[in-house]
N, C-alpha and C. Protein backbone atom coordinates (compact mmCIF):
# COMPACT_ATOMS: atom_id res chain seq x y z
N UNK A 1 0.84 -1.18 0.00
CA UNK A 1 -0.04 0.04 0.04
C UNK A 1 0.94 1.25 0.01
N UNK A 2 0.78 2.00 -1.00
CA UNK A 2 1.57 3.22 -1.08
C UNK A 2 0.88 4.46 -0.63
N UNK A 3 1.69 5.47 -0.28
CA UNK A 3 1.01 6.77 -0.01
C UNK A 3 0.57 7.30 -1.32
N UNK A 4 -0.53 8.13 -1.26
CA UNK A 4 -1.11 8.67 -2.44
C UNK A 4 -1.21 10.19 -2.23
N UNK A 5 -0.89 10.99 -3.20
CA UNK A 5 -1.01 12.44 -3.15
C UNK A 5 -1.97 12.97 -4.17
N UNK A 6 -2.77 13.91 -3.76
CA UNK A 6 -3.65 14.59 -4.66
C UNK A 6 -3.38 16.05 -4.49
N UNK A 7 -4.07 16.90 -5.19
CA UNK A 7 -3.84 18.34 -5.11
C UNK A 7 -3.85 18.84 -3.64
N UNK A 8 -4.87 18.41 -2.92
CA UNK A 8 -5.01 18.87 -1.52
C UNK A 8 -4.76 17.88 -0.43
N UNK A 9 -4.58 16.62 -0.77
CA UNK A 9 -4.60 15.57 0.24
C UNK A 9 -3.38 14.65 0.17
N UNK A 10 -2.98 14.13 1.30
CA UNK A 10 -1.97 13.12 1.41
C UNK A 10 -2.74 11.92 2.02
N UNK A 11 -2.80 10.78 1.27
CA UNK A 11 -3.40 9.57 1.83
C UNK A 11 -2.24 8.67 2.32
N UNK A 12 -2.21 8.39 3.54
CA UNK A 12 -1.04 7.72 4.19
C UNK A 12 -1.54 6.69 5.16
N UNK A 13 -0.48 5.82 5.61
CA UNK A 13 -0.74 4.89 6.68
C UNK A 13 -1.01 5.64 7.97
N UNK A 14 -1.81 4.96 8.79
CA UNK A 14 -1.98 5.55 10.12
C UNK A 14 -0.73 5.26 10.90
N UNK A 15 -0.55 6.10 11.99
CA UNK A 15 0.56 5.95 12.89
C UNK A 15 -0.05 5.93 14.33
N UNK A 16 0.65 5.36 15.28
CA UNK A 16 0.16 5.28 16.70
C UNK A 16 -0.29 6.67 17.18
N UNK A 17 0.44 7.68 16.91
CA UNK A 17 0.15 9.01 17.44
C UNK A 17 -1.13 9.65 16.83
N UNK A 18 -1.71 8.99 15.85
CA UNK A 18 -2.95 9.48 15.26
C UNK A 18 -4.19 9.25 16.05
N UNK A 19 -4.13 8.41 17.11
CA UNK A 19 -5.37 7.94 17.85
C UNK A 19 -6.16 9.16 18.40
N UNK A 20 -5.52 10.15 18.98
CA UNK A 20 -6.30 11.17 19.57
C UNK A 20 -7.00 12.06 18.48
N UNK A 21 -6.36 12.28 17.34
CA UNK A 21 -6.93 13.05 16.26
C UNK A 21 -8.16 12.25 15.65
N UNK A 22 -7.98 10.91 15.47
CA UNK A 22 -9.08 10.11 14.97
C UNK A 22 -10.28 10.22 15.87
N UNK A 23 -10.03 10.05 17.16
CA UNK A 23 -11.12 10.17 18.14
C UNK A 23 -11.81 11.44 18.10
N UNK A 24 -11.05 12.58 18.16
CA UNK A 24 -11.61 13.92 18.19
C UNK A 24 -12.33 14.29 16.93
N UNK A 25 -11.71 13.97 15.79
CA UNK A 25 -12.14 14.46 14.47
C UNK A 25 -13.45 13.77 14.02
N UNK A 26 -13.48 12.39 14.09
CA UNK A 26 -14.59 11.66 13.49
C UNK A 26 -15.10 10.47 14.35
N UNK A 27 -14.19 9.72 14.99
CA UNK A 27 -14.61 8.39 15.59
C UNK A 27 -15.62 8.63 16.77
N UNK A 28 -15.65 9.77 17.44
CA UNK A 28 -16.51 10.04 18.58
C UNK A 28 -17.77 10.68 18.20
N UNK A 29 -17.98 11.00 16.98
CA UNK A 29 -19.08 11.83 16.48
C UNK A 29 -20.23 10.98 16.03
N UNK A 30 -21.41 11.03 16.67
CA UNK A 30 -22.56 10.24 16.35
C UNK A 30 -23.06 10.56 15.00
N UNK A 31 -22.96 11.77 14.57
CA UNK A 31 -23.40 12.19 13.20
C UNK A 31 -22.57 11.52 12.15
N UNK A 32 -21.31 11.49 12.33
CA UNK A 32 -20.36 10.87 11.38
C UNK A 32 -20.68 9.37 11.31
N UNK A 33 -20.98 8.72 12.40
CA UNK A 33 -21.12 7.20 12.36
C UNK A 33 -22.59 6.78 12.14
N UNK A 34 -23.45 7.79 12.00
CA UNK A 34 -24.88 7.51 11.80
C UNK A 34 -25.09 6.41 10.79
N UNK A 35 -24.46 6.44 9.66
CA UNK A 35 -24.68 5.50 8.56
C UNK A 35 -23.58 4.46 8.49
N UNK A 36 -22.71 4.40 9.39
CA UNK A 36 -21.60 3.38 9.44
C UNK A 36 -22.01 2.18 10.16
N UNK A 37 -21.20 1.17 10.02
CA UNK A 37 -21.42 -0.16 10.72
C UNK A 37 -21.07 -0.13 12.20
N UNK A 38 -20.53 0.93 12.69
CA UNK A 38 -20.05 0.98 14.09
C UNK A 38 -20.61 2.21 14.77
N UNK A 39 -20.63 2.09 16.08
CA UNK A 39 -21.11 3.24 16.90
C UNK A 39 -19.93 4.22 17.27
N UNK A 40 -20.24 5.35 17.66
CA UNK A 40 -19.11 6.30 18.07
C UNK A 40 -18.30 5.67 19.13
N UNK A 41 -17.04 6.01 19.09
CA UNK A 41 -16.10 5.44 20.13
C UNK A 41 -16.39 6.17 21.42
N UNK A 42 -16.38 5.49 22.55
CA UNK A 42 -16.65 6.10 23.86
C UNK A 42 -15.55 6.77 24.55
N UNK A 43 -14.24 6.46 24.04
CA UNK A 43 -13.13 7.08 24.73
C UNK A 43 -11.93 7.06 23.82
N UNK A 44 -10.97 7.95 24.07
CA UNK A 44 -9.70 7.86 23.24
C UNK A 44 -9.01 6.53 23.38
N UNK A 45 -9.17 5.88 24.57
CA UNK A 45 -8.53 4.56 24.73
C UNK A 45 -9.13 3.52 23.81
N UNK A 46 -10.46 3.57 23.54
CA UNK A 46 -11.09 2.67 22.62
C UNK A 46 -10.48 2.92 21.21
N UNK A 47 -10.40 4.12 20.85
CA UNK A 47 -9.79 4.47 19.56
C UNK A 47 -8.39 4.01 19.36
N UNK A 48 -7.55 4.15 20.47
CA UNK A 48 -6.21 3.66 20.43
C UNK A 48 -6.10 2.17 20.32
N UNK A 49 -7.03 1.42 20.93
CA UNK A 49 -7.05 -0.09 20.79
C UNK A 49 -7.38 -0.44 19.31
N UNK A 50 -8.39 0.18 18.79
CA UNK A 50 -8.81 -0.11 17.42
C UNK A 50 -7.70 0.24 16.45
N UNK A 51 -7.04 1.42 16.69
CA UNK A 51 -5.98 1.79 15.85
C UNK A 51 -4.78 0.78 15.91
N UNK A 52 -4.57 0.21 17.08
CA UNK A 52 -3.55 -0.83 17.23
C UNK A 52 -3.85 -2.07 16.35
N UNK A 53 -5.09 -2.41 16.23
CA UNK A 53 -5.50 -3.52 15.35
C UNK A 53 -5.25 -3.15 13.88
N UNK A 54 -5.63 -1.93 13.52
CA UNK A 54 -5.43 -1.50 12.14
C UNK A 54 -3.96 -1.45 11.79
N UNK A 55 -3.06 -1.08 12.71
CA UNK A 55 -1.64 -1.00 12.47
C UNK A 55 -1.10 -2.39 12.18
N UNK A 56 -1.59 -3.35 13.02
CA UNK A 56 -1.12 -4.73 12.73
C UNK A 56 -1.57 -5.27 11.41
N UNK A 57 -2.76 -4.83 10.98
CA UNK A 57 -3.31 -5.32 9.70
C UNK A 57 -2.55 -4.86 8.52
N UNK A 58 -1.66 -3.84 8.62
CA UNK A 58 -0.83 -3.40 7.51
C UNK A 58 0.14 -4.44 7.08
N UNK A 59 0.32 -5.49 7.93
CA UNK A 59 1.27 -6.51 7.53
C UNK A 59 0.52 -7.54 6.49
N UNK A 60 -0.77 -7.42 6.38
CA UNK A 60 -1.42 -8.25 5.36
C UNK A 60 -1.47 -7.53 4.05
N UNK A 61 -1.20 -8.32 2.98
CA UNK A 61 -1.17 -7.69 1.67
C UNK A 61 -2.50 -7.29 1.10
N UNK A 62 -3.56 -7.80 1.74
CA UNK A 62 -4.95 -7.38 1.23
C UNK A 62 -5.45 -6.13 1.94
N UNK A 63 -4.58 -5.56 2.87
CA UNK A 63 -5.05 -4.38 3.58
C UNK A 63 -4.72 -3.15 2.81
N UNK A 64 -5.72 -2.34 2.62
CA UNK A 64 -5.62 -1.03 2.07
C UNK A 64 -6.41 -0.11 2.93
N UNK A 65 -5.66 0.69 3.74
CA UNK A 65 -6.30 1.68 4.70
C UNK A 65 -5.49 2.93 4.75
N UNK A 66 -6.08 4.03 4.40
CA UNK A 66 -5.37 5.29 4.41
C UNK A 66 -6.07 6.25 5.39
N UNK A 67 -5.21 7.06 6.15
CA UNK A 67 -5.66 8.23 6.79
C UNK A 67 -5.65 9.33 5.74
N UNK A 68 -6.61 10.19 5.75
CA UNK A 68 -6.73 11.28 4.80
C UNK A 68 -6.25 12.56 5.47
N UNK A 69 -5.09 13.02 5.05
CA UNK A 69 -4.49 14.26 5.70
C UNK A 69 -4.60 15.40 4.70
N UNK A 70 -5.04 16.50 5.29
CA UNK A 70 -5.09 17.77 4.58
C UNK A 70 -3.71 18.29 4.49
N UNK A 71 -3.15 18.37 3.27
CA UNK A 71 -1.78 18.72 3.08
C UNK A 71 -1.50 20.16 3.63
N UNK A 72 -2.38 21.07 3.44
CA UNK A 72 -2.13 22.47 3.89
C UNK A 72 -2.04 22.57 5.39
N UNK A 73 -2.66 21.62 6.14
CA UNK A 73 -2.65 21.67 7.60
C UNK A 73 -1.78 20.63 8.24
N UNK A 74 -1.50 19.54 7.44
CA UNK A 74 -0.79 18.36 7.97
C UNK A 74 -1.58 17.66 9.07
N UNK A 75 -2.97 17.75 8.98
CA UNK A 75 -3.86 17.12 9.93
C UNK A 75 -4.74 16.11 9.31
N UNK A 76 -4.98 15.03 10.01
CA UNK A 76 -5.95 14.06 9.48
C UNK A 76 -7.38 14.63 9.47
N UNK A 77 -8.11 14.33 8.45
CA UNK A 77 -9.52 14.74 8.39
C UNK A 77 -10.47 13.58 8.20
N UNK A 78 -9.92 12.40 7.98
CA UNK A 78 -10.79 11.26 7.74
C UNK A 78 -9.98 10.05 7.40
N UNK A 79 -10.67 9.00 6.85
CA UNK A 79 -10.08 7.77 6.49
C UNK A 79 -10.81 7.15 5.29
N UNK A 80 -10.17 6.26 4.58
CA UNK A 80 -10.76 5.56 3.48
C UNK A 80 -10.10 4.19 3.43
N UNK A 81 -10.78 3.05 3.29
CA UNK A 81 -10.19 1.75 3.27
C UNK A 81 -10.96 0.74 2.57
N UNK A 82 -10.37 -0.36 2.32
CA UNK A 82 -11.07 -1.55 1.82
C UNK A 82 -11.60 -2.24 3.03
N UNK A 83 -12.98 -2.29 3.16
CA UNK A 83 -13.57 -2.86 4.33
C UNK A 83 -13.83 -4.35 4.14
N UNK A 84 -13.63 -4.85 2.98
CA UNK A 84 -13.85 -6.30 2.67
C UNK A 84 -13.75 -6.49 1.13
N UNK A 85 -14.05 -7.71 0.76
CA UNK A 85 -13.94 -8.10 -0.64
C UNK A 85 -15.27 -8.85 -1.03
N UNK A 86 -15.80 -8.46 -2.20
CA UNK A 86 -17.08 -9.10 -2.66
C UNK A 86 -16.71 -9.79 -3.96
N UNK A 87 -16.70 -11.14 -3.97
CA UNK A 87 -16.31 -11.89 -5.10
C UNK A 87 -14.89 -11.47 -5.68
N UNK A 88 -14.02 -11.19 -4.80
CA UNK A 88 -12.67 -10.77 -5.15
C UNK A 88 -12.46 -9.35 -5.47
N UNK A 89 -13.62 -8.50 -5.44
CA UNK A 89 -13.56 -7.10 -5.69
C UNK A 89 -13.46 -6.35 -4.37
N UNK A 90 -12.60 -5.34 -4.28
CA UNK A 90 -12.55 -4.57 -3.01
C UNK A 90 -13.81 -3.77 -2.82
N UNK A 91 -14.26 -3.72 -1.55
CA UNK A 91 -15.41 -2.95 -1.09
C UNK A 91 -14.83 -1.80 -0.28
N UNK A 92 -15.15 -0.62 -0.71
CA UNK A 92 -14.61 0.59 -0.01
C UNK A 92 -15.58 1.21 0.98
N UNK A 93 -14.92 1.71 2.00
CA UNK A 93 -15.65 2.58 3.02
C UNK A 93 -14.92 3.72 3.44
N UNK A 94 -15.53 4.74 3.86
CA UNK A 94 -14.83 5.99 4.21
C UNK A 94 -15.65 6.81 5.17
N UNK A 95 -14.96 7.71 5.85
CA UNK A 95 -15.64 8.72 6.71
C UNK A 95 -14.67 9.84 6.95
N UNK A 96 -15.20 10.95 7.33
CA UNK A 96 -14.43 12.18 7.68
C UNK A 96 -15.13 13.01 8.70
N UNK A 97 -14.32 13.86 9.35
CA UNK A 97 -14.88 14.74 10.35
C UNK A 97 -15.87 15.72 9.67
N UNK A 98 -16.92 16.07 10.43
CA UNK A 98 -17.94 16.91 9.89
C UNK A 98 -17.46 18.23 9.43
N UNK A 99 -16.46 18.75 10.12
CA UNK A 99 -15.86 20.12 9.67
C UNK A 99 -15.40 20.08 8.26
N UNK A 100 -15.26 18.89 7.72
CA UNK A 100 -14.60 18.78 6.41
C UNK A 100 -15.63 18.26 5.34
N UNK A 101 -16.88 18.12 5.68
CA UNK A 101 -17.87 17.74 4.71
C UNK A 101 -18.16 18.83 3.72
N UNK A 102 -18.58 18.49 2.52
CA UNK A 102 -19.05 19.44 1.57
C UNK A 102 -17.97 20.22 0.88
N UNK A 103 -16.72 19.82 1.01
CA UNK A 103 -15.63 20.60 0.39
C UNK A 103 -14.89 19.83 -0.73
N UNK A 104 -15.43 18.64 -1.05
CA UNK A 104 -14.87 17.86 -2.18
C UNK A 104 -13.63 16.99 -1.71
N UNK A 105 -13.29 16.97 -0.43
CA UNK A 105 -12.16 16.20 -0.06
C UNK A 105 -12.33 14.66 -0.28
N UNK A 106 -13.52 14.18 0.16
CA UNK A 106 -13.82 12.76 -0.01
C UNK A 106 -13.92 12.33 -1.50
N UNK A 107 -14.48 13.24 -2.31
CA UNK A 107 -14.51 12.99 -3.69
C UNK A 107 -13.07 12.78 -4.26
N UNK A 108 -12.22 13.66 -3.81
CA UNK A 108 -10.82 13.64 -4.28
C UNK A 108 -10.12 12.37 -3.72
N UNK A 109 -10.31 12.01 -2.51
CA UNK A 109 -9.72 10.84 -1.92
C UNK A 109 -10.23 9.59 -2.58
N UNK A 110 -11.54 9.46 -2.76
CA UNK A 110 -12.13 8.28 -3.45
C UNK A 110 -11.56 8.11 -4.88
N UNK A 111 -11.39 9.16 -5.59
CA UNK A 111 -10.79 9.10 -6.95
C UNK A 111 -9.40 8.48 -6.90
N UNK A 112 -8.57 9.01 -5.97
CA UNK A 112 -7.21 8.54 -5.84
C UNK A 112 -7.16 7.09 -5.51
N UNK A 113 -7.96 6.63 -4.59
CA UNK A 113 -7.99 5.23 -4.18
C UNK A 113 -8.56 4.40 -5.22
N UNK A 114 -9.53 4.78 -5.94
CA UNK A 114 -10.09 4.00 -7.04
C UNK A 114 -9.04 3.82 -8.10
N UNK A 115 -8.26 4.85 -8.52
CA UNK A 115 -7.18 4.74 -9.43
C UNK A 115 -6.05 3.79 -9.00
N UNK A 116 -5.78 3.85 -7.67
CA UNK A 116 -4.72 3.00 -7.14
C UNK A 116 -5.16 1.51 -7.19
N UNK A 117 -6.44 1.28 -6.85
CA UNK A 117 -6.83 -0.09 -6.93
C UNK A 117 -6.88 -0.62 -8.34
N UNK A 118 -7.25 0.12 -9.25
CA UNK A 118 -7.21 -0.25 -10.66
C UNK A 118 -5.73 -0.55 -11.09
N UNK A 119 -4.81 0.37 -10.64
CA UNK A 119 -3.40 0.08 -10.95
C UNK A 119 -2.89 -1.20 -10.31
N UNK A 120 -3.47 -1.57 -9.15
CA UNK A 120 -3.09 -2.83 -8.53
C UNK A 120 -3.70 -4.03 -9.14
N UNK A 121 -4.45 -3.92 -10.18
CA UNK A 121 -5.03 -5.05 -10.86
C UNK A 121 -6.45 -5.34 -10.70
N UNK A 122 -7.14 -4.62 -9.84
CA UNK A 122 -8.61 -4.94 -9.70
C UNK A 122 -9.32 -4.31 -10.87
N UNK A 123 -10.39 -5.07 -11.34
CA UNK A 123 -11.14 -4.47 -12.43
C UNK A 123 -12.47 -4.02 -12.10
N UNK A 124 -12.94 -4.33 -10.84
CA UNK A 124 -14.20 -3.83 -10.33
C UNK A 124 -14.02 -3.33 -8.90
N UNK A 125 -14.68 -2.25 -8.50
CA UNK A 125 -14.66 -1.78 -7.17
C UNK A 125 -16.10 -1.58 -6.71
N UNK A 126 -16.34 -1.96 -5.53
CA UNK A 126 -17.75 -1.95 -4.91
C UNK A 126 -17.76 -0.92 -3.84
N UNK A 127 -18.88 -0.19 -3.75
CA UNK A 127 -19.09 0.69 -2.62
C UNK A 127 -20.58 0.77 -2.37
N UNK A 128 -21.01 0.93 -1.09
CA UNK A 128 -22.41 1.01 -0.75
C UNK A 128 -22.67 2.20 0.17
N UNK A 129 -23.88 2.75 0.08
CA UNK A 129 -24.19 3.82 0.97
C UNK A 129 -25.62 3.74 1.33
N UNK A 130 -26.03 4.09 2.48
CA UNK A 130 -27.37 4.23 2.92
C UNK A 130 -28.14 5.17 1.99
N UNK A 131 -29.35 4.84 1.54
CA UNK A 131 -30.02 5.73 0.58
C UNK A 131 -30.28 7.11 1.14
N UNK A 132 -30.32 7.26 2.42
CA UNK A 132 -30.63 8.55 3.06
C UNK A 132 -29.31 9.39 3.18
N UNK A 133 -28.21 8.78 2.94
CA UNK A 133 -26.91 9.49 3.12
C UNK A 133 -26.59 10.23 1.81
N UNK A 134 -27.27 11.34 1.64
CA UNK A 134 -27.22 12.10 0.40
C UNK A 134 -25.77 12.48 -0.02
N UNK A 135 -24.99 12.95 0.96
CA UNK A 135 -23.69 13.45 0.67
C UNK A 135 -22.76 12.32 0.18
N UNK A 136 -22.84 11.14 0.82
CA UNK A 136 -22.05 10.00 0.46
C UNK A 136 -22.48 9.49 -0.95
N UNK A 137 -23.77 9.45 -1.23
CA UNK A 137 -24.16 9.00 -2.51
C UNK A 137 -23.67 9.98 -3.56
N UNK A 138 -23.66 11.24 -3.32
CA UNK A 138 -23.13 12.24 -4.25
C UNK A 138 -21.65 12.01 -4.50
N UNK A 139 -20.84 11.77 -3.47
CA UNK A 139 -19.45 11.48 -3.65
C UNK A 139 -19.20 10.33 -4.55
N UNK A 140 -19.99 9.29 -4.34
CA UNK A 140 -19.85 8.00 -5.14
C UNK A 140 -20.21 8.28 -6.57
N UNK A 141 -21.32 8.94 -6.85
CA UNK A 141 -21.72 9.18 -8.18
C UNK A 141 -20.79 10.16 -8.96
N UNK A 142 -20.19 11.13 -8.25
CA UNK A 142 -19.22 12.00 -8.84
C UNK A 142 -18.03 11.28 -9.34
N UNK A 143 -17.74 10.16 -8.64
CA UNK A 143 -16.58 9.32 -9.06
C UNK A 143 -16.89 8.28 -10.13
N UNK A 144 -18.07 8.42 -10.72
CA UNK A 144 -18.39 7.51 -11.85
C UNK A 144 -18.85 6.15 -11.55
N UNK A 145 -19.23 5.88 -10.24
CA UNK A 145 -19.75 4.57 -9.87
C UNK A 145 -21.19 4.48 -10.46
N UNK A 146 -21.54 3.28 -10.74
CA UNK A 146 -22.89 2.95 -11.31
C UNK A 146 -23.74 2.31 -10.26
N UNK A 147 -24.95 2.77 -10.06
CA UNK A 147 -25.87 2.14 -9.13
C UNK A 147 -26.31 0.83 -9.76
N UNK A 148 -26.11 -0.28 -9.06
CA UNK A 148 -26.48 -1.56 -9.60
C UNK A 148 -27.65 -2.24 -8.84
N UNK A 149 -27.92 -1.82 -7.63
CA UNK A 149 -29.02 -2.39 -6.84
C UNK A 149 -29.32 -1.53 -5.66
N UNK A 150 -30.56 -1.68 -5.14
CA UNK A 150 -30.98 -1.11 -3.88
C UNK A 150 -31.62 -2.28 -3.10
N UNK A 151 -31.17 -2.39 -1.85
CA UNK A 151 -31.76 -3.42 -1.04
C UNK A 151 -31.73 -3.11 0.41
N UNK A 152 -32.34 -3.79 1.25
CA UNK A 152 -32.36 -3.57 2.70
C UNK A 152 -31.48 -4.64 3.39
N UNK A 153 -30.69 -4.13 4.36
CA UNK A 153 -29.91 -5.07 5.08
C UNK A 153 -29.47 -4.34 6.40
N UNK A 154 -29.13 -5.05 7.43
CA UNK A 154 -28.59 -4.44 8.63
C UNK A 154 -27.26 -3.88 8.22
N UNK A 155 -26.87 -2.75 8.86
CA UNK A 155 -25.48 -2.22 8.72
C UNK A 155 -24.46 -3.13 9.24
N UNK A 156 -24.70 -3.87 10.29
CA UNK A 156 -23.76 -4.76 10.91
C UNK A 156 -24.46 -5.52 11.99
N UNK A 157 -23.70 -6.44 12.63
CA UNK A 157 -24.26 -7.12 13.78
C UNK A 157 -24.51 -6.15 15.00
N UNK A 158 -23.78 -5.11 14.97
CA UNK A 158 -23.90 -4.04 16.03
C UNK A 158 -25.14 -3.17 15.78
N UNK A 159 -25.49 -3.00 14.52
CA UNK A 159 -26.65 -2.20 14.15
C UNK A 159 -27.56 -3.08 13.29
N UNK A 160 -28.35 -3.90 13.96
CA UNK A 160 -29.15 -4.93 13.20
C UNK A 160 -30.41 -4.45 12.53
N UNK A 161 -30.79 -3.19 12.73
CA UNK A 161 -32.04 -2.72 12.08
C UNK A 161 -31.80 -2.69 10.51
N UNK A 162 -32.65 -3.24 9.74
CA UNK A 162 -32.50 -3.17 8.30
C UNK A 162 -32.53 -1.74 7.73
N UNK A 163 -31.66 -1.39 6.84
CA UNK A 163 -31.60 -0.08 6.31
C UNK A 163 -31.54 -0.17 4.76
N UNK A 164 -32.10 0.74 4.05
CA UNK A 164 -32.02 0.71 2.57
C UNK A 164 -30.60 1.11 2.18
N UNK A 165 -30.04 0.28 1.24
CA UNK A 165 -28.62 0.49 0.81
C UNK A 165 -28.57 0.66 -0.73
N UNK A 166 -27.78 1.63 -1.23
CA UNK A 166 -27.52 1.66 -2.62
C UNK A 166 -26.19 0.97 -2.85
N UNK A 167 -26.16 0.03 -3.74
CA UNK A 167 -24.96 -0.77 -4.07
C UNK A 167 -24.41 -0.29 -5.41
N UNK A 168 -23.20 0.15 -5.45
CA UNK A 168 -22.52 0.79 -6.63
C UNK A 168 -21.36 -0.12 -7.05
N UNK A 169 -21.06 -0.01 -8.33
CA UNK A 169 -19.86 -0.62 -8.89
C UNK A 169 -19.16 0.38 -9.80
N UNK A 170 -17.89 0.27 -9.88
CA UNK A 170 -17.09 0.97 -10.88
C UNK A 170 -16.15 -0.06 -11.58
N UNK A 171 -16.13 0.05 -12.87
CA UNK A 171 -15.38 -0.98 -13.66
C UNK A 171 -14.18 -0.30 -14.34
N UNK A 172 -13.15 -1.01 -14.35
CA UNK A 172 -11.92 -0.40 -15.01
C UNK A 172 -12.23 -0.22 -16.49
N UNK A 173 -11.71 0.90 -16.95
CA UNK A 173 -11.88 1.16 -18.45
C UNK A 173 -10.52 1.05 -19.14
N UNK A 174 -10.49 1.08 -20.30
CA UNK A 174 -9.19 1.05 -21.02
C UNK A 174 -8.26 2.18 -20.62
N UNK A 175 -8.86 3.35 -20.35
CA UNK A 175 -8.04 4.50 -19.89
C UNK A 175 -7.31 4.18 -18.56
N UNK A 176 -7.97 3.44 -17.71
CA UNK A 176 -7.43 3.14 -16.36
C UNK A 176 -6.56 1.98 -16.36
N UNK A 177 -6.55 1.18 -17.43
CA UNK A 177 -5.74 -0.06 -17.44
C UNK A 177 -4.31 0.22 -17.50
């Protein structure tokens, strides 16, 4: 997994010292986690424990997980990662601090990660979003993903209430090959 740079962002591996920023910026915010599979973290210690697991997972070749850093400030504003694989295709997930919503940062990050995964040999990328999460659906559509289905499913075992989900795919084109 390589670092990625865009005009405004540095996508990089997490470091142990990132725990406090992760907790403060997005992991403790109920509005950020509203449509995610996990609940807000209850303490900085919880975030540090989870970050420890993420850091260990970097040893696995199938792990793609970036902290999204705003280059102008040198501060993390969110994250984007492969949260699993569907029939061999990476499934992406992302989140960012509310203070950074609506500025195009996630659109920029998703574009860079999509390009990187295509360079690494994947020909299909999967992403899903709650149908009510207007901002996330907009980010996905701006990146050229195609809506392939809408269905109801629990977000996770932690959030078992069925929610309507938009399921998107993006396919590698000759330009991206």
